[in-house]
Amino acid sequence: MRLYAPLYEGDSILRSDAALGEPAVKVFRSPAPARNFVRSSIQVKAANETALDIHAIEQIARRQRNAEIARMLKALFTAVGDWFERNENFERDNFFAASGNLADLEQRQRHFERTGRAHY
């Protein structure tokens, strides 16, 4: 026969408050030791003030997320616009730099002012 150690306090006949050698009937009828409950020292009014308002927190998070997304989209559109403008300026500068002399440069400037295109 094997004997196993009890896993939990109430698993054995003997309890921590029972003395060895007492009858089993007295051990089973003895009340379990009282547990000390932790009680809050926060007043009821203060407890209501410290309660989390989940709905308000979610609304604030949504507003902050929307503001951040709007800021990121604005930065993205600005970057794309700047990229197109740099590309346009690059083509225009190359168009003017391809002129062979001053007369060709003036002709290219007039063409660009009339048509807005950086090629013939």
C-alpha atoms as a PDB file:
ATOM      1  CA  MET A   1       0.000   0.000   0.000  1.00  0.00           C
ATOM      2  CA  ARG A   2       1.361   3.379  -0.971  1.00  0.00           C
ATOM      3  CA  LEU A   3       0.783   6.526   1.013  1.00  0.00           C
ATOM      4  CA  TYR A   4       0.745   9.838  -0.807  1.00  0.00           C
ATOM      5  CA  ALA A   5       1.231  13.235   0.754  1.00  0.00           C
ATOM      6  CA  PRO A   6      -1.900  15.420   0.655  1.00  0.00           C
ATOM      7  CA  LEU A   7      -1.918  18.032  -2.092  1.00  0.00           C
ATOM      8  CA  TYR A   8      -4.243  20.521  -0.449  1.00  0.00           C
ATOM      9  CA  GLU A   9      -4.847  21.467   3.131  1.00  0.00           C
ATOM     10  CA  GLY A  10      -8.250  19.772   3.396  1.00  0.00           C
ATOM     11  CA  ASP A  11      -7.143  16.511   1.759  1.00  0.00           C
ATOM     12  CA  SER A  12      -6.046  14.685   4.908  1.00  0.00           C
ATOM     13  CA  ILE A  13      -7.750  13.748   8.134  1.00  0.00           C
ATOM     14  CA  LEU A  14      -5.321  15.827  10.098  1.00  0.00           C
ATOM     15  CA  ARG A  15      -5.469  19.566   9.722  1.00  0.00           C
ATOM     16  CA  SER A  16      -3.012  22.180  10.763  1.00  0.00           C
ATOM     17  CA  ASP A  17      -5.161  23.152  13.746  1.00  0.00           C
ATOM     18  CA  ALA A  18      -5.837  19.576  14.907  1.00  0.00           C
ATOM     19  CA  ALA A  19      -3.634  17.968  17.505  1.00  0.00           C
ATOM     20  CA  LEU A  20      -2.218  14.506  16.939  1.00  0.00           C
ATOM     21  CA  GLY A  21      -4.062  11.732  18.648  1.00  0.00           C
ATOM     22  CA  GLU A  22      -7.484  13.391  18.791  1.00  0.00           C
ATOM     23  CA  PRO A  23     -10.482  11.387  17.612  1.00  0.00           C
ATOM     24  CA  ALA A  24     -11.350  11.788  13.909  1.00  0.00           C
ATOM     25  CA  VAL A  25     -14.903  12.898  14.745  1.00  0.00           C
ATOM     26  CA  LYS A  26     -13.588  15.861  16.701  1.00  0.00           C
ATOM     27  CA  VAL A  27     -11.159  16.745  13.889  1.00  0.00           C
ATOM     28  CA  PHE A  28     -13.896  16.703  11.218  1.00  0.00           C
ATOM     29  CA  ARG A  29     -16.314  18.704  13.364  1.00  0.00           C
ATOM     30  CA  SER A  30     -13.820  21.377  14.262  1.00  0.00           C
ATOM     31  CA  PRO A  31     -14.323  24.531  12.197  1.00  0.00           C
ATOM     32  CA  ALA A  32     -11.771  25.384   9.608  1.00  0.00           C
ATOM     33  CA  PRO A  33      -9.454  28.189  10.597  1.00  0.00           C
ATOM     34  CA  ALA A  34     -10.878  31.599   9.693  1.00  0.00           C
ATOM     35  CA  ARG A  35      -9.216  33.438   6.835  1.00  0.00           C
ATOM     36  CA  ASN A  36      -8.374  37.087   7.049  1.00  0.00           C
ATOM     37  CA  PHE A  37     -10.008  38.951   4.182  1.00  0.00           C
ATOM     38  CA  VAL A  38      -8.255  41.953   2.703  1.00  0.00           C
ATOM     39  CA  ARG A  39     -10.540  44.922   2.872  1.00  0.00           C
ATOM     40  CA  SER A  40     -10.084  48.107   0.891  1.00  0.00           C
ATOM     41  CA  SER A  41      -9.349  51.292   2.753  1.00  0.00           C
ATOM     42  CA  ILE A  42     -10.616  53.409  -0.160  1.00  0.00           C
ATOM     43  CA  GLN A  43     -13.797  55.304   0.567  1.00  0.00           C
ATOM     44  CA  VAL A  44     -16.795  54.640  -1.698  1.00  0.00           C
ATOM     45  CA  LYS A  45     -16.687  58.132  -3.191  1.00  0.00           C
ATOM     46  CA  ALA A  46     -12.968  57.862  -3.983  1.00  0.00           C
ATOM     47  CA  ALA A  47     -13.465  54.375  -5.436  1.00  0.00           C
ATOM     48  CA  ASN A  48     -16.045  55.717  -7.891  1.00  0.00           C
ATOM     49  CA  GLU A  49     -13.674  58.479  -8.993  1.00  0.00           C
ATOM     50  CA  THR A  50     -10.826  56.072  -9.686  1.00  0.00           C
ATOM     51  CA  ALA A  51     -12.937  53.727 -11.822  1.00  0.00           C
ATOM     52  CA  LEU A  52     -11.780  53.496 -15.441  1.00  0.00           C
ATOM     53  CA  ASP A  53     -14.098  54.879 -18.089  1.00  0.00           C
ATOM     54  CA  ILE A  54     -13.356  52.462 -20.923  1.00  0.00           C
ATOM     55  CA  HIS A  55     -15.651  54.235 -23.388  1.00  0.00           C
ATOM     56  CA  ALA A  56     -13.890  57.569 -22.854  1.00  0.00           C
ATOM     57  CA  ILE A  57     -10.471  55.923 -23.203  1.00  0.00           C
ATOM     58  CA  GLU A  58     -11.535  54.305 -26.497  1.00  0.00           C
ATOM     59  CA  GLN A  59     -12.869  57.632 -27.827  1.00  0.00           C
ATOM     60  CA  ILE A  60      -9.616  59.412 -26.964  1.00  0.00           C
ATOM     61  CA  ALA A  61      -7.593  56.614 -28.589  1.00  0.00           C
ATOM     62  CA  ARG A  62      -9.722  56.815 -31.765  1.00  0.00           C
ATOM     63  CA  ARG A  63      -9.269  60.600 -31.986  1.00  0.00           C
ATOM     64  CA  GLN A  64      -5.511  60.299 -31.495  1.00  0.00           C
ATOM     65  CA  ARG A  65      -5.276  57.499 -34.058  1.00  0.00           C
ATOM     66  CA  ASN A  66      -7.310  59.487 -36.611  1.00  0.00           C
ATOM     67  CA  ALA A  67      -5.168  62.569 -36.037  1.00  0.00           C
ATOM     68  CA  GLU A  68      -1.987  60.519 -36.498  1.00  0.00           C
ATOM     69  CA  ILE A  69      -3.319  58.893 -39.687  1.00  0.00           C
ATOM     70  CA  ALA A  70      -4.294  62.320 -41.063  1.00  0.00           C
ATOM     71  CA  ARG A  71      -0.819  63.652 -40.256  1.00  0.00           C
ATOM     72  CA  MET A  72       0.832  60.673 -41.958  1.00  0.00           C
ATOM     73  CA  LEU A  73      -1.368  60.995 -45.065  1.00  0.00           C
ATOM     74  CA  LYS A  74      -0.623  64.699 -45.289  1.00  0.00           C
ATOM     75  CA  ALA A  75       3.116  63.970 -45.067  1.00  0.00           C
ATOM     76  CA  LEU A  76       2.753  61.250 -47.708  1.00  0.00           C
ATOM     77  CA  PHE A  77       0.878  63.510 -50.137  1.00  0.00           C
ATOM     78  CA  THR A  78       3.429  66.273 -49.573  1.00  0.00           C
ATOM     79  CA  ALA A  79       6.303  63.864 -50.255  1.00  0.00           C
ATOM     80  CA  VAL A  80       4.669  62.544 -53.445  1.00  0.00           C
ATOM     81  CA  GLY A  81       3.949  66.108 -54.627  1.00  0.00           C
ATOM     82  CA  ASP A  82       7.540  67.122 -53.936  1.00  0.00           C
ATOM     83  CA  TRP A  83       8.771  64.078 -55.849  1.00  0.00           C
ATOM     84  CA  PHE A  84       6.687  65.011 -58.909  1.00  0.00           C
ATOM     85  CA  GLU A  85       7.859  68.615 -58.694  1.00  0.00           C
ATOM     86  CA  ARG A  86      11.523  67.550 -58.471  1.00  0.00           C
ATOM     87  CA  ASN A  87      11.020  65.247 -61.451  1.00  0.00           C
ATOM     88  CA  GLU A  88       9.403  68.065 -63.429  1.00  0.00           C
ATOM     89  CA  ASN A  89      12.203  70.475 -62.537  1.00  0.00           C
ATOM     90  CA  PHE A  90      14.793  67.857 -63.453  1.00  0.00           C
ATOM     91  CA  GLU A  91      13.282  67.403 -66.930  1.00  0.00           C
ATOM     92  CA  ARG A  92      13.046  71.180 -67.427  1.00  0.00           C
ATOM     93  CA  ASP A  93      16.639  71.723 -66.328  1.00  0.00           C
ATOM     94  CA  ASN A  94      17.847  68.982 -68.653  1.00  0.00           C
ATOM     95  CA  PHE A  95      15.830  70.559 -71.509  1.00  0.00           C
ATOM     96  CA  PHE A  96      17.494  73.924 -70.967  1.00  0.00           C
ATOM     97  CA  ALA A  97      20.954  72.385 -70.379  1.00  0.00           C
ATOM     98  CA  ALA A  98      20.780  70.633 -73.764  1.00  0.00           C
ATOM     99  CA  SER A  99      20.934  73.990 -75.582  1.00  0.00           C
ATOM    100  CA  GLY A 100      24.081  74.490 -77.587  1.00  0.00           C
ATOM    101  CA  ASN A 101      24.290  78.268 -77.502  1.00  0.00           C
ATOM    102  CA  LEU A 102      22.498  81.352 -76.191  1.00  0.00           C
ATOM    103  CA  ALA A 103      20.117  81.604 -79.166  1.00  0.00           C
ATOM    104  CA  ASP A 104      19.059  77.967 -78.724  1.00  0.00           C
ATOM    105  CA  LEU A 105      18.530  78.595 -74.988  1.00  0.00           C
ATOM    106  CA  GLU A 106      16.258  81.613 -75.718  1.00  0.00           C
ATOM    107  CA  GLN A 107      14.316  79.578 -78.258  1.00  0.00           C
ATOM    108  CA  ARG A 108      13.864  76.781 -75.713  1.00  0.00           C
ATOM    109  CA  GLN A 109      12.690  79.299 -73.081  1.00  0.00           C
ATOM    110  CA  ARG A 110      10.056  80.734 -75.458  1.00  0.00           C
ATOM    111  CA  HIS A 111       8.915  77.224 -76.368  1.00  0.00           C
ATOM    112  CA  PHE A 112       8.621  76.311 -72.679  1.00  0.00           C
ATOM    113  CA  GLU A 113       6.685  79.528 -71.870  1.00  0.00           C
ATOM    114  CA  ARG A 114       4.249  78.898 -74.751  1.00  0.00           C
ATOM    115  CA  THR A 115       3.650  75.182 -74.305  1.00  0.00           C
ATOM    116  CA  GLY A 116       4.825  74.352 -70.790  1.00  0.00           C
ATOM    117  CA  ARG A 117       6.574  71.292 -72.173  1.00  0.00           C
ATOM    118  CA  ALA A 118      10.218  70.484 -71.663  1.00  0.00           C
ATOM    119  CA  HIS A 119      10.655  68.836 -75.087  1.00  0.00           C
ATOM    120  CA  TYR A 120      10.072  69.696 -78.717  1.00  0.00           C
END
